[in-house]
Amino acid sequence: MKIAVVGATGMVGTVMLQVLEERNLPITELIPVASERSAGKKLSYKGKEYTIVTLADAVALKPDVALFSAGGDTSLEWAPKFAEVGTTVIDNSSAWRMDPTKKLVVPEINGDVLTADDKIIANPNCSTIQLVMALAPLHAKYTMKRVVISTYQSVSGTGVKAVQQLDNEEAGIDGEMAYPHKIGRNALPHCDIFLDNGYTKEEMKLVKEPKKILRDDSFSVTATAVRIPTAGGHSEAVNVQFENDFDLAEVRQILSETPGVIVEDDLANNVYPMPINAHNKDEVFVGRIRRDESQENTLNLWIVADNLRKGAATNTIQIAEYLIANNLV
């Protein structure tokens, strides 16, 4: 298979190459793609050097699959051009997620919606992926009515510039600012841009995307997204009201039996999910599982995942694996 990685030199693109190497996809030809200024440079994959090419060159090479992580504008312009030559595009930006003609996929949950005709497939928002991984099996059992989410998101979700800002602040260096305020020793209730309704774009992704993935808009969602000075890994405090009552032991069992989810919930030994432990892992970690004693049929959860892996690169590659396993590419 010919696989192109678009945005190969970026934060997510670099992790995509790492995950591709680990998971051993049947790649006969790797096509690393980046901006004009990076074209001609070399990168290493499985001990071999590859030359970075431009988007136009990559389209001409007609890859079987193109994994995109190069921003929404690039995806809107170039994904259709790849699709026209028969390439299946799996896009990590927000460009196509809410397009009613495009599938929004977490393979463990709704991979079955994919067909050979899907030439542009959307990868969900990082915070959405870890949320639905934990909520999907509980929704199937107890039926969600309302979900309230507060996120604690790492600077890596913003990109290299934000990671550099945090590094500079910790080193006492005045440098370029990714955020309107300092992030070190701080918390910014400001992920992405503010919209007319007073919510941020990130918060509205959490409101809309789960309904599309779960193919159900009968439940309501509200969110507050906060950026914190952690280097990697997103955390979420989630409050879920169900139509039906639940047993906490059964909740833990359901989550423990869900592929891709690991329960870490041993309070006596101070075991609960933390971003530092989720680093470089593909699973979604769930803990602090407890009943909301202020309201009936309501559960509190703490959900953590590596936002660059399951929240981005790994999920994108798992979509490709699903397509290959089901002969859809």
C-alpha atoms as a PDB file:
ATOM      1  CA  MET A   1       0.000   0.000   0.000  1.00  0.00           C
ATOM      2  CA  LYS A   2       1.059   3.550  -0.748  1.00  0.00           C
ATOM      3  CA  ILE A   3       0.392   5.716   2.297  1.00  0.00           C
ATOM      4  CA  ALA A   4       0.889   9.474   2.378  1.00  0.00           C
ATOM      5  CA  VAL A   5       1.288  11.366   5.665  1.00  0.00           C
ATOM      6  CA  VAL A   6       0.291  14.977   5.055  1.00  0.00           C
ATOM      7  CA  GLY A   7       1.799  17.291   7.644  1.00  0.00           C
ATOM      8  CA  ALA A   8       4.557  14.770   8.326  1.00  0.00           C
ATOM      9  CA  THR A   9       6.819  17.279  10.088  1.00  0.00           C
ATOM     10  CA  GLY A  10       4.162  18.611  12.494  1.00  0.00           C
ATOM     11  CA  MET A  11       3.415  17.421  16.040  1.00  0.00           C
ATOM     12  CA  VAL A  12       0.647  15.003  15.058  1.00  0.00           C
ATOM     13  CA  GLY A  13       2.358  13.982  11.819  1.00  0.00           C
ATOM     14  CA  THR A  14       5.481  12.996  13.730  1.00  0.00           C
ATOM     15  CA  VAL A  15       3.381  10.861  16.086  1.00  0.00           C
ATOM     16  CA  MET A  16       1.553   9.347  13.086  1.00  0.00           C
ATOM     17  CA  LEU A  17       4.887   8.115  11.729  1.00  0.00           C
ATOM     18  CA  GLN A  18       5.774   6.710  15.150  1.00  0.00           C
ATOM     19  CA  VAL A  19       2.415   4.894  15.438  1.00  0.00           C
ATOM     20  CA  LEU A  20       2.653   3.592  11.852  1.00  0.00           C
ATOM     21  CA  GLU A  21       6.042   2.132  12.683  1.00  0.00           C
ATOM     22  CA  GLU A  22       4.742   0.504  15.880  1.00  0.00           C
ATOM     23  CA  ARG A  23       1.587  -0.961  14.334  1.00  0.00           C
ATOM     24  CA  ASN A  24       3.312  -2.290  11.215  1.00  0.00           C
ATOM     25  CA  LEU A  25       0.756  -1.419   8.545  1.00  0.00           C
ATOM     26  CA  PRO A  26       1.371  -3.080   5.162  1.00  0.00           C
ATOM     27  CA  ILE A  27       3.133  -0.052   3.663  1.00  0.00           C
ATOM     28  CA  THR A  28       4.984  -0.659   0.411  1.00  0.00           C
ATOM     29  CA  GLU A  29       5.610   3.036  -0.156  1.00  0.00           C
ATOM     30  CA  LEU A  30       5.594   5.870   2.388  1.00  0.00           C
ATOM     31  CA  ILE A  31       5.023   9.381   1.038  1.00  0.00           C
ATOM     32  CA  PRO A  32       5.858  12.088   3.611  1.00  0.00           C
ATOM     33  CA  VAL A  33       4.168  15.360   2.667  1.00  0.00           C
ATOM     34  CA  ALA A  34       4.707  18.847   4.074  1.00  0.00           C
ATOM     35  CA  SER A  35       4.741  22.498   3.067  1.00  0.00           C
ATOM     36  CA  GLU A  36       6.761  23.909   0.184  1.00  0.00           C
ATOM     37  CA  ARG A  37       9.487  25.068   2.600  1.00  0.00           C
ATOM     38  CA  SER A  38      10.000  21.503   3.892  1.00  0.00           C
ATOM     39  CA  ALA A  39       9.923  19.844   0.459  1.00  0.00           C
ATOM     40  CA  GLY A  40      13.214  18.148  -0.408  1.00  0.00           C
ATOM     41  CA  LYS A  41      14.224  17.651   3.213  1.00  0.00           C
ATOM     42  CA  LYS A  42      14.672  14.141   4.580  1.00  0.00           C
ATOM     43  CA  LEU A  43      13.018  12.252   7.396  1.00  0.00           C
ATOM     44  CA  SER A  44      13.676   8.809   8.797  1.00  0.00           C
ATOM     45  CA  TYR A  45      11.119   5.979   9.003  1.00  0.00           C
ATOM     46  CA  LYS A  46      12.061   2.427  10.038  1.00  0.00           C
ATOM     47  CA  GLY A  47      15.723   3.273   9.621  1.00  0.00           C
ATOM     48  CA  LYS A  48      15.307   4.450   6.034  1.00  0.00           C
ATOM     49  CA  GLU A  49      15.472   8.024   4.745  1.00  0.00           C
ATOM     50  CA  TYR A  50      12.548   9.475   2.800  1.00  0.00           C
ATOM     51  CA  THR A  51      12.353  12.750   0.882  1.00  0.00           C
ATOM     52  CA  ILE A  52       9.497  15.076   1.832  1.00  0.00           C
ATOM     53  CA  VAL A  53       7.322  16.045  -1.136  1.00  0.00           C
ATOM     54  CA  THR A  54       4.727  18.755  -1.798  1.00  0.00           C
ATOM     55  CA  LEU A  55       0.968  18.207  -1.818  1.00  0.00           C
ATOM     56  CA  ALA A  56       0.858  18.468  -5.616  1.00  0.00           C
ATOM     57  CA  ASP A  57       3.594  15.834  -5.973  1.00  0.00           C
ATOM     58  CA  ALA A  58       1.768  13.555  -3.536  1.00  0.00           C
ATOM     59  CA  VAL A  59      -1.517  13.777  -5.463  1.00  0.00           C
ATOM     60  CA  ALA A  60       0.353  12.823  -8.660  1.00  0.00           C
ATOM     61  CA  LEU A  61       1.691   9.713  -6.879  1.00  0.00           C
ATOM     62  CA  LYS A  62      -1.917   8.543  -6.220  1.00  0.00           C
ATOM     63  CA  PRO A  63      -1.495   7.019  -2.740  1.00  0.00           C
ATOM     64  CA  ASP A  64      -4.049   4.446  -1.574  1.00  0.00           C
ATOM     65  CA  VAL A  65      -4.526   6.291   1.724  1.00  0.00           C
ATOM     66  CA  ALA A  66      -3.594   9.808   2.814  1.00  0.00           C
ATOM     67  CA  LEU A  67      -3.440  10.577   6.533  1.00  0.00           C
ATOM     68  CA  PHE A  68      -3.977  14.327   6.907  1.00  0.00           C
ATOM     69  CA  SER A  69      -2.842  16.491   9.814  1.00  0.00           C
ATOM     70  CA  ALA A  70      -2.084  19.817   8.206  1.00  0.00           C
ATOM     71  CA  GLY A  71      -4.905  22.118   9.330  1.00  0.00           C
ATOM     72  CA  GLY A  72      -8.439  22.768   8.148  1.00  0.00           C
ATOM     73  CA  ASP A  73      -7.665  25.093   5.226  1.00  0.00           C
ATOM     74  CA  THR A  74      -5.197  22.599   3.740  1.00  0.00           C
ATOM     75  CA  SER A  75      -7.736  19.790   4.150  1.00  0.00           C
ATOM     76  CA  LEU A  76     -10.550  21.752   2.509  1.00  0.00           C
ATOM     77  CA  GLU A  77      -8.356  22.556  -0.489  1.00  0.00           C
ATOM     78  CA  TRP A  78      -6.420  19.320  -0.935  1.00  0.00           C
ATOM     79  CA  ALA A  79      -8.509  16.410   0.416  1.00  0.00           C
ATOM     80  CA  PRO A  80     -10.906  16.594  -2.587  1.00  0.00           C
ATOM     81  CA  LYS A  81      -7.924  16.585  -4.965  1.00  0.00           C
ATOM     82  CA  PHE A  82      -6.618  13.351  -3.406  1.00  0.00           C
ATOM     83  CA  ALA A  83     -10.134  11.866  -3.434  1.00  0.00           C
ATOM     84  CA  GLU A  84     -10.466  12.661  -7.161  1.00  0.00           C
ATOM     85  CA  VAL A  85      -7.476  10.412  -7.972  1.00  0.00           C
ATOM     86  CA  GLY A  86      -8.931   7.555  -5.880  1.00  0.00           C
ATOM     87  CA  THR A  87      -7.091   8.145  -2.595  1.00  0.00           C
ATOM     88  CA  THR A  88      -8.957   7.602   0.676  1.00  0.00           C
ATOM     89  CA  VAL A  89      -8.292  10.602   2.905  1.00  0.00           C
ATOM     90  CA  ILE A  90      -8.500  10.334   6.700  1.00  0.00           C
ATOM     91  CA  ASP A  91      -8.466  13.882   7.986  1.00  0.00           C
ATOM     92  CA  ASN A  92      -7.464  14.975  11.472  1.00  0.00           C
ATOM     93  CA  SER A  93      -8.661  18.596  11.183  1.00  0.00           C
ATOM     94  CA  SER A  94     -12.128  19.966  11.992  1.00  0.00           C
ATOM     95  CA  ALA A  95     -12.787  20.736   8.304  1.00  0.00           C
ATOM     96  CA  TRP A  96     -15.101  17.827   7.487  1.00  0.00           C
ATOM     97  CA  ARG A  97     -16.341  16.619  10.881  1.00  0.00           C
ATOM     98  CA  MET A  98     -19.818  18.089  10.823  1.00  0.00           C
ATOM     99  CA  ASP A  99     -20.280  17.807   7.046  1.00  0.00           C
ATOM    100  CA  PRO A 100     -23.412  15.611   6.724  1.00  0.00           C
ATOM    101  CA  THR A 101     -21.893  13.878   3.676  1.00  0.00           C
ATOM    102  CA  LYS A 102     -18.754  12.780   5.578  1.00  0.00           C
ATOM    103  CA  LYS A 103     -18.347  10.066   8.232  1.00  0.00           C
ATOM    104  CA  LEU A 104     -16.960  10.979  11.664  1.00  0.00           C
ATOM    105  CA  VAL A 105     -15.350   7.833  13.022  1.00  0.00           C
ATOM    106  CA  VAL A 106     -13.989   6.217  16.167  1.00  0.00           C
ATOM    107  CA  PRO A 107     -13.463   2.662  14.843  1.00  0.00           C
ATOM    108  CA  GLU A 108     -14.346   0.840  18.084  1.00  0.00           C
ATOM    109  CA  ILE A 109     -17.685   2.671  18.181  1.00  0.00           C
ATOM    110  CA  ASN A 110     -18.928   3.323  14.652  1.00  0.00           C
ATOM    111  CA  GLY A 111     -16.441   1.823  12.200  1.00  0.00           C
ATOM    112  CA  ASP A 112     -19.400  -0.013  10.667  1.00  0.00           C
ATOM    113  CA  VAL A 113     -20.586   3.226   8.978  1.00  0.00           C
ATOM    114  CA  LEU A 114     -17.592   3.126   6.609  1.00  0.00           C
ATOM    115  CA  THR A 115     -17.909   2.014   2.990  1.00  0.00           C
ATOM    116  CA  ALA A 116     -15.543   1.823   0.022  1.00  0.00           C
ATOM    117  CA  ASP A 117     -17.225   4.972  -1.321  1.00  0.00           C
ATOM    118  CA  ASP A 118     -16.047   7.100   1.619  1.00  0.00           C
ATOM    119  CA  LYS A 119     -13.097   8.950   0.147  1.00  0.00           C
ATOM    120  CA  ILE A 120     -12.868  11.681   2.815  1.00  0.00           C
ATOM    121  CA  ILE A 121     -13.274  10.430   6.400  1.00  0.00           C
ATOM    122  CA  ALA A 122     -13.126  12.735   9.418  1.00  0.00           C
ATOM    123  CA  ASN A 123     -11.196  11.999  12.597  1.00  0.00           C
ATOM    124  CA  PRO A 124     -12.986  13.500  15.632  1.00  0.00           C
ATOM    125  CA  ASN A 125     -11.653  16.110  18.009  1.00  0.00           C
ATOM    126  CA  CYS A 126      -9.159  14.735  20.552  1.00  0.00           C
ATOM    127  CA  SER A 127     -11.383  15.542  23.538  1.00  0.00           C
ATOM    128  CA  THR A 128     -14.392  13.975  21.813  1.00  0.00           C
ATOM    129  CA  ILE A 129     -12.609  10.691  21.091  1.00  0.00           C
ATOM    130  CA  GLN A 130     -11.695   9.938  24.700  1.00  0.00           C
ATOM    131  CA  LEU A 131     -15.155  11.062  25.853  1.00  0.00           C
ATOM    132  CA  VAL A 132     -17.128   8.785  23.533  1.00  0.00           C
ATOM    133  CA  MET A 133     -14.802   5.829  24.125  1.00  0.00           C
ATOM    134  CA  ALA A 134     -15.952   5.841  27.761  1.00  0.00           C
ATOM    135  CA  LEU A 135     -19.550   6.951  27.241  1.00  0.00           C
ATOM    136  CA  ALA A 136     -20.600   4.788  24.268  1.00  0.00           C
ATOM    137  CA  PRO A 137     -20.882   1.484  26.206  1.00  0.00           C
ATOM    138  CA  LEU A 138     -22.631   3.227  29.123  1.00  0.00           C
ATOM    139  CA  HIS A 139     -25.084   4.948  26.776  1.00  0.00           C
ATOM    140  CA  ALA A 140     -25.884   1.588  25.171  1.00  0.00           C
ATOM    141  CA  LYS A 141     -26.737   0.160  28.601  1.00  0.00           C
ATOM    142  CA  TYR A 142     -28.337   3.048  30.518  1.00  0.00           C
ATOM    143  CA  THR A 143     -29.285   5.712  27.873  1.00  0.00           C
ATOM    144  CA  MET A 144     -27.770   9.142  28.445  1.00  0.00           C
ATOM    145  CA  LYS A 145     -29.995  12.171  29.031  1.00  0.00           C
ATOM    146  CA  ARG A 146     -27.459  14.909  29.748  1.00  0.00           C
ATOM    147  CA  VAL A 147     -23.673  15.178  29.797  1.00  0.00           C
ATOM    148  CA  VAL A 148     -21.693  17.975  31.507  1.00  0.00           C
ATOM    149  CA  ILE A 149     -17.975  18.085  30.645  1.00  0.00           C
ATOM    150  CA  SER A 150     -15.116  20.132  32.062  1.00  0.00           C
ATOM    151  CA  THR A 151     -11.823  19.568  30.273  1.00  0.00           C
ATOM    152  CA  TYR A 152      -8.234  20.075  31.428  1.00  0.00           C
ATOM    153  CA  GLN A 153      -6.279  20.145  28.168  1.00  0.00           C
ATOM    154  CA  SER A 154      -2.533  20.108  27.635  1.00  0.00           C
ATOM    155  CA  VAL A 155      -0.612  22.695  25.646  1.00  0.00           C
ATOM    156  CA  SER A 156       0.315  20.041  23.061  1.00  0.00           C
ATOM    157  CA  GLY A 157      -3.270  20.271  21.840  1.00  0.00           C
ATOM    158  CA  THR A 158      -2.517  23.793  20.609  1.00  0.00           C
ATOM    159  CA  GLY A 159       0.699  22.817  18.856  1.00  0.00           C
ATOM    160  CA  VAL A 160       4.462  23.355  18.825  1.00  0.00           C
ATOM    161  CA  LYS A 161       4.191  27.095  19.472  1.00  0.00           C
ATOM    162  CA  ALA A 162       2.270  26.496  22.719  1.00  0.00           C
ATOM    163  CA  VAL A 163       4.668  23.815  23.936  1.00  0.00           C
ATOM    164  CA  GLN A 164       7.489  26.273  23.272  1.00  0.00           C
ATOM    165  CA  GLN A 165       5.661  28.996  25.228  1.00  0.00           C
ATOM    166  CA  LEU A 166       5.391  26.737  28.280  1.00  0.00           C
ATOM    167  CA  ASP A 167       9.040  25.654  27.937  1.00  0.00           C
ATOM    168  CA  ASN A 168      10.120  29.310  27.653  1.00  0.00           C
ATOM    169  CA  GLU A 169       8.117  30.334  30.719  1.00  0.00           C
ATOM    170  CA  GLU A 170       9.590  27.487  32.784  1.00  0.00           C
ATOM    171  CA  ALA A 171      13.087  28.505  31.658  1.00  0.00           C
ATOM    172  CA  GLY A 172      12.453  32.208  32.315  1.00  0.00           C
ATOM    173  CA  ILE A 173      12.782  33.116  28.632  1.00  0.00           C
ATOM    174  CA  ASP A 174      10.669  35.824  26.961  1.00  0.00           C
ATOM    175  CA  GLY A 175       9.493  34.301  23.690  1.00  0.00           C
ATOM    176  CA  GLU A 176       6.650  34.080  21.215  1.00  0.00           C
ATOM    177  CA  MET A 177       3.227  33.653  22.828  1.00  0.00           C
ATOM    178  CA  ALA A 178       0.715  31.094  21.565  1.00  0.00           C
ATOM    179  CA  TYR A 179      -1.859  32.255  24.126  1.00  0.00           C
ATOM    180  CA  PRO A 180      -3.090  35.722  25.133  1.00  0.00           C
ATOM    181  CA  HIS A 181      -1.801  35.092  28.674  1.00  0.00           C
ATOM    182  CA  LYS A 182       0.905  33.105  30.450  1.00  0.00           C
ATOM    183  CA  ILE A 183       0.110  29.388  30.682  1.00  0.00           C
ATOM    184  CA  GLY A 184       2.657  28.355  33.341  1.00  0.00           C
ATOM    185  CA  ARG A 185       1.104  28.167  36.833  1.00  0.00           C
ATOM    186  CA  ASN A 186      -2.166  29.189  35.212  1.00  0.00           C
ATOM    187  CA  ALA A 187      -5.389  27.847  33.696  1.00  0.00           C
ATOM    188  CA  LEU A 188      -7.020  29.432  30.652  1.00  0.00           C
ATOM    189  CA  PRO A 189     -10.761  28.811  30.095  1.00  0.00           C
ATOM    190  CA  HIS A 190     -10.063  29.486  26.448  1.00  0.00           C
ATOM    191  CA  CYS A 191      -9.502  26.562  24.028  1.00  0.00           C
ATOM    192  CA  ASP A 192      -9.772  27.678  20.402  1.00  0.00           C
ATOM    193  CA  ILE A 193     -11.726  30.820  19.431  1.00  0.00           C
ATOM    194  CA  PHE A 194     -14.804  32.269  21.128  1.00  0.00           C
ATOM    195  CA  LEU A 195     -18.079  32.007  19.221  1.00  0.00           C
ATOM    196  CA  ASP A 196     -21.155  34.270  19.232  1.00  0.00           C
ATOM    197  CA  ASN A 197     -22.885  32.109  21.874  1.00  0.00           C
ATOM    198  CA  GLY A 198     -20.049  32.670  24.378  1.00  0.00           C
ATOM    199  CA  TYR A 199     -18.708  29.130  24.030  1.00  0.00           C
ATOM    200  CA  THR A 200     -15.392  28.288  22.387  1.00  0.00           C
ATOM    201  CA  LYS A 201     -15.114  26.279  19.201  1.00  0.00           C
ATOM    202  CA  GLU A 202     -13.572  23.423  21.240  1.00  0.00           C
ATOM    203  CA  GLU A 203     -16.568  23.388  23.598  1.00  0.00           C
ATOM    204  CA  MET A 204     -19.030  23.232  20.706  1.00  0.00           C
ATOM    205  CA  LYS A 205     -17.094  20.328  19.156  1.00  0.00           C
ATOM    206  CA  LEU A 206     -17.763  18.423  22.402  1.00  0.00           C
ATOM    207  CA  VAL A 207     -21.451  19.355  22.161  1.00  0.00           C
ATOM    208  CA  LYS A 208     -21.957  18.281  18.546  1.00  0.00           C
ATOM    209  CA  GLU A 209     -19.492  15.511  17.655  1.00  0.00           C
ATOM    210  CA  PRO A 210     -20.612  12.825  20.170  1.00  0.00           C
ATOM    211  CA  LYS A 211     -24.145  12.936  18.769  1.00  0.00           C
ATOM    212  CA  LYS A 212     -22.893  12.308  15.243  1.00  0.00           C
ATOM    213  CA  ILE A 213     -20.556   9.484  16.306  1.00  0.00           C
ATOM    214  CA  LEU A 214     -23.204   7.778  18.461  1.00  0.00           C
ATOM    215  CA  ARG A 215     -25.883   8.395  15.788  1.00  0.00           C
ATOM    216  CA  ASP A 216     -28.168   9.798  18.457  1.00  0.00           C
ATOM    217  CA  ASP A 217     -29.180  13.374  19.252  1.00  0.00           C
ATOM    218  CA  SER A 218     -31.608  12.519  22.047  1.00  0.00           C
ATOM    219  CA  PHE A 219     -29.162  13.528  24.807  1.00  0.00           C
ATOM    220  CA  SER A 220     -27.892  17.042  25.611  1.00  0.00           C
ATOM    221  CA  VAL A 221     -24.288  18.099  26.159  1.00  0.00           C
ATOM    222  CA  THR A 222     -22.648  21.182  27.658  1.00  0.00           C
ATOM    223  CA  ALA A 223     -18.924  21.792  28.061  1.00  0.00           C
ATOM    224  CA  THR A 224     -16.256  24.094  29.481  1.00  0.00           C
ATOM    225  CA  ALA A 225     -12.782  23.583  28.010  1.00  0.00           C
ATOM    226  CA  VAL A 226      -9.713  24.726  29.943  1.00  0.00           C
ATOM    227  CA  ARG A 227      -6.067  24.815  28.912  1.00  0.00           C
ATOM    228  CA  ILE A 228      -3.623  23.838  31.677  1.00  0.00           C
ATOM    229  CA  PRO A 229       0.219  23.775  31.810  1.00  0.00           C
ATOM    230  CA  THR A 230       0.716  20.058  31.210  1.00  0.00           C
ATOM    231  CA  ALA A 231       2.953  19.007  28.326  1.00  0.00           C
ATOM    232  CA  GLY A 232       0.690  16.221  27.005  1.00  0.00           C
ATOM    233  CA  GLY A 233      -2.547  14.382  27.727  1.00  0.00           C
ATOM    234  CA  HIS A 234      -6.081  15.706  28.112  1.00  0.00           C
ATOM    235  CA  SER A 235      -8.258  15.124  31.186  1.00  0.00           C
ATOM    236  CA  GLU A 236     -12.037  15.429  31.513  1.00  0.00           C
ATOM    237  CA  ALA A 237     -14.378  15.608  34.498  1.00  0.00           C
ATOM    238  CA  VAL A 238     -17.645  14.203  33.160  1.00  0.00           C
ATOM    239  CA  ASN A 239     -21.076  14.177  34.789  1.00  0.00           C
ATOM    240  CA  VAL A 240     -23.644  11.947  33.058  1.00  0.00           C
ATOM    241  CA  GLN A 241     -27.340  11.703  33.820  1.00  0.00           C
ATOM    242  CA  PHE A 242     -28.974   8.513  32.513  1.00  0.00           C
ATOM    243  CA  GLU A 243     -32.582   7.580  31.836  1.00  0.00           C
ATOM    244  CA  ASN A 244     -32.041   4.386  33.828  1.00  0.00           C
ATOM    245  CA  ASP A 245     -30.358   3.705  37.138  1.00  0.00           C
ATOM    246  CA  PHE A 246     -27.037   1.884  37.297  1.00  0.00           C
ATOM    247  CA  ASP A 247     -24.964  -0.236  39.606  1.00  0.00           C
ATOM    248  CA  LEU A 248     -21.417   1.069  40.139  1.00  0.00           C
ATOM    249  CA  ALA A 249     -19.894  -2.409  40.039  1.00  0.00           C
ATOM    250  CA  GLU A 250     -21.618  -3.019  36.709  1.00  0.00           C
ATOM    251  CA  VAL A 251     -20.408   0.339  35.372  1.00  0.00           C
ATOM    252  CA  ARG A 252     -16.830  -0.621  36.234  1.00  0.00           C
ATOM    253  CA  GLN A 253     -17.286  -4.029  34.618  1.00  0.00           C
ATOM    254  CA  ILE A 254     -18.736  -2.546  31.418  1.00  0.00           C
ATOM    255  CA  LEU A 255     -15.841  -0.083  31.123  1.00  0.00           C
ATOM    256  CA  SER A 256     -13.253  -2.770  31.968  1.00  0.00           C
ATOM    257  CA  GLU A 257     -14.616  -4.943  29.153  1.00  0.00           C
ATOM    258  CA  THR A 258     -14.599  -2.128  26.582  1.00  0.00           C
ATOM    259  CA  PRO A 259     -11.727  -2.505  24.074  1.00  0.00           C
ATOM    260  CA  GLY A 260      -9.386   0.464  24.286  1.00  0.00           C
ATOM    261  CA  VAL A 261     -10.537   1.512  27.776  1.00  0.00           C
ATOM    262  CA  ILE A 262      -8.616   0.869  30.998  1.00  0.00           C
ATOM    263  CA  VAL A 263     -10.204   1.416  34.409  1.00  0.00           C
ATOM    264  CA  GLU A 264      -7.848   2.929  37.004  1.00  0.00           C
ATOM    265  CA  ASP A 265      -9.962   3.342  40.114  1.00  0.00           C
ATOM    266  CA  ASP A 266      -8.278   2.166  43.311  1.00  0.00           C
ATOM    267  CA  LEU A 267      -8.675   5.045  45.753  1.00  0.00           C
ATOM    268  CA  ALA A 268      -7.110   3.182  48.674  1.00  0.00           C
ATOM    269  CA  ASN A 269      -3.828   3.127  46.749  1.00  0.00           C
ATOM    270  CA  ASN A 270      -4.228   6.555  45.108  1.00  0.00           C
ATOM    271  CA  VAL A 271      -4.742   4.994  41.692  1.00  0.00           C
ATOM    272  CA  TYR A 272      -6.633   7.184  39.223  1.00  0.00           C
ATOM    273  CA  PRO A 273      -5.952   8.369  35.662  1.00  0.00           C
ATOM    274  CA  MET A 274      -3.323  11.067  35.188  1.00  0.00           C
ATOM    275  CA  PRO A 275      -1.977  12.560  31.949  1.00  0.00           C
ATOM    276  CA  ILE A 276       1.622  11.806  32.932  1.00  0.00           C
ATOM    277  CA  ASN A 277       0.777   8.076  32.993  1.00  0.00           C
ATOM    278  CA  ALA A 278      -1.281   8.185  29.790  1.00  0.00           C
ATOM    279  CA  HIS A 279       1.697   9.602  27.881  1.00  0.00           C
ATOM    280  CA  ASN A 280       2.598   7.577  24.772  1.00  0.00           C
ATOM    281  CA  LYS A 281      -0.263   5.119  25.345  1.00  0.00           C
ATOM    282  CA  ASP A 282      -3.190   4.414  23.025  1.00  0.00           C
ATOM    283  CA  GLU A 283      -5.808   3.537  25.630  1.00  0.00           C
ATOM    284  CA  VAL A 284      -8.384   5.779  27.295  1.00  0.00           C
ATOM    285  CA  PHE A 285      -8.143   5.706  31.101  1.00  0.00           C
ATOM    286  CA  VAL A 286     -11.220   6.074  33.325  1.00  0.00           C
ATOM    287  CA  GLY A 287     -11.394   6.493  37.100  1.00  0.00           C
ATOM    288  CA  ARG A 288     -12.980   8.384  40.017  1.00  0.00           C
ATOM    289  CA  ILE A 289     -16.140   6.460  39.120  1.00  0.00           C
ATOM    290  CA  ARG A 290     -18.818   7.514  41.591  1.00  0.00           C
ATOM    291  CA  ARG A 291     -22.475   8.324  41.908  1.00  0.00           C
ATOM    292  CA  ASP A 292     -23.563  11.967  41.831  1.00  0.00           C
ATOM    293  CA  GLU A 293     -25.372  12.100  45.145  1.00  0.00           C
ATOM    294  CA  SER A 294     -27.145  15.357  44.268  1.00  0.00           C
ATOM    295  CA  GLN A 295     -29.217  13.901  41.435  1.00  0.00           C
ATOM    296  CA  GLU A 296     -30.750  10.541  40.567  1.00  0.00           C
ATOM    297  CA  ASN A 297     -29.316   8.226  37.893  1.00  0.00           C
ATOM    298  CA  THR A 298     -26.210  10.407  37.571  1.00  0.00           C
ATOM    299  CA  LEU A 299     -22.566   9.337  37.360  1.00  0.00           C
ATOM    300  CA  ASN A 300     -19.243  11.154  37.718  1.00  0.00           C
ATOM    301  CA  LEU A 301     -16.181  10.012  35.742  1.00  0.00           C
ATOM    302  CA  TRP A 302     -12.596  11.209  35.230  1.00  0.00           C
ATOM    303  CA  ILE A 303     -11.331  10.413  31.712  1.00  0.00           C
ATOM    304  CA  VAL A 304      -7.720  10.808  30.525  1.00  0.00           C
ATOM    305  CA  ALA A 305      -5.925  10.037  27.245  1.00  0.00           C
ATOM    306  CA  ASP A 306      -2.854  11.017  25.254  1.00  0.00           C
ATOM    307  CA  ASN A 307      -4.310  13.636  22.916  1.00  0.00           C
ATOM    308  CA  LEU A 308      -1.620  13.157  20.257  1.00  0.00           C
ATOM    309  CA  ARG A 309      -2.117   9.376  20.121  1.00  0.00           C
ATOM    310  CA  LYS A 310      -5.677   8.081  20.634  1.00  0.00           C
ATOM    311  CA  GLY A 311      -6.856  11.690  20.404  1.00  0.00           C
ATOM    312  CA  ALA A 312      -5.283  12.134  16.964  1.00  0.00           C
ATOM    313  CA  ALA A 313      -2.642   9.919  15.319  1.00  0.00           C
ATOM    314  CA  THR A 314      -3.661   6.494  16.635  1.00  0.00           C
ATOM    315  CA  ASN A 315      -7.365   6.926  15.909  1.00  0.00           C
ATOM    316  CA  THR A 316      -6.535   8.081  12.363  1.00  0.00           C
ATOM    317  CA  ILE A 317      -4.396   4.984  11.794  1.00  0.00           C
ATOM    318  CA  GLN A 318      -7.007   2.712  13.397  1.00  0.00           C
ATOM    319  CA  ILE A 319      -9.467   4.004  10.787  1.00  0.00           C
ATOM    320  CA  ALA A 320      -6.966   3.009   8.086  1.00  0.00           C
ATOM    321  CA  GLU A 321      -6.570  -0.410   9.718  1.00  0.00           C
ATOM    322  CA  TYR A 322     -10.359  -0.871   9.749  1.00  0.00           C
ATOM    323  CA  LEU A 323     -10.547   0.028   6.031  1.00  0.00           C
ATOM    324  CA  ILE A 324      -7.766  -2.446   5.205  1.00  0.00           C
ATOM    325  CA  ALA A 325      -9.215  -5.267   7.361  1.00  0.00           C
ATOM    326  CA  ASN A 326     -12.625  -4.857   5.725  1.00  0.00           C
ATOM    327  CA  ASN A 327     -11.282  -4.538   2.147  1.00  0.00           C
ATOM    328  CA  LEU A 328     -12.605  -0.982   1.828  1.00  0.00           C
ATOM    329  CA  VAL A 329      -9.351   0.344   0.336  1.00  0.00           C
END
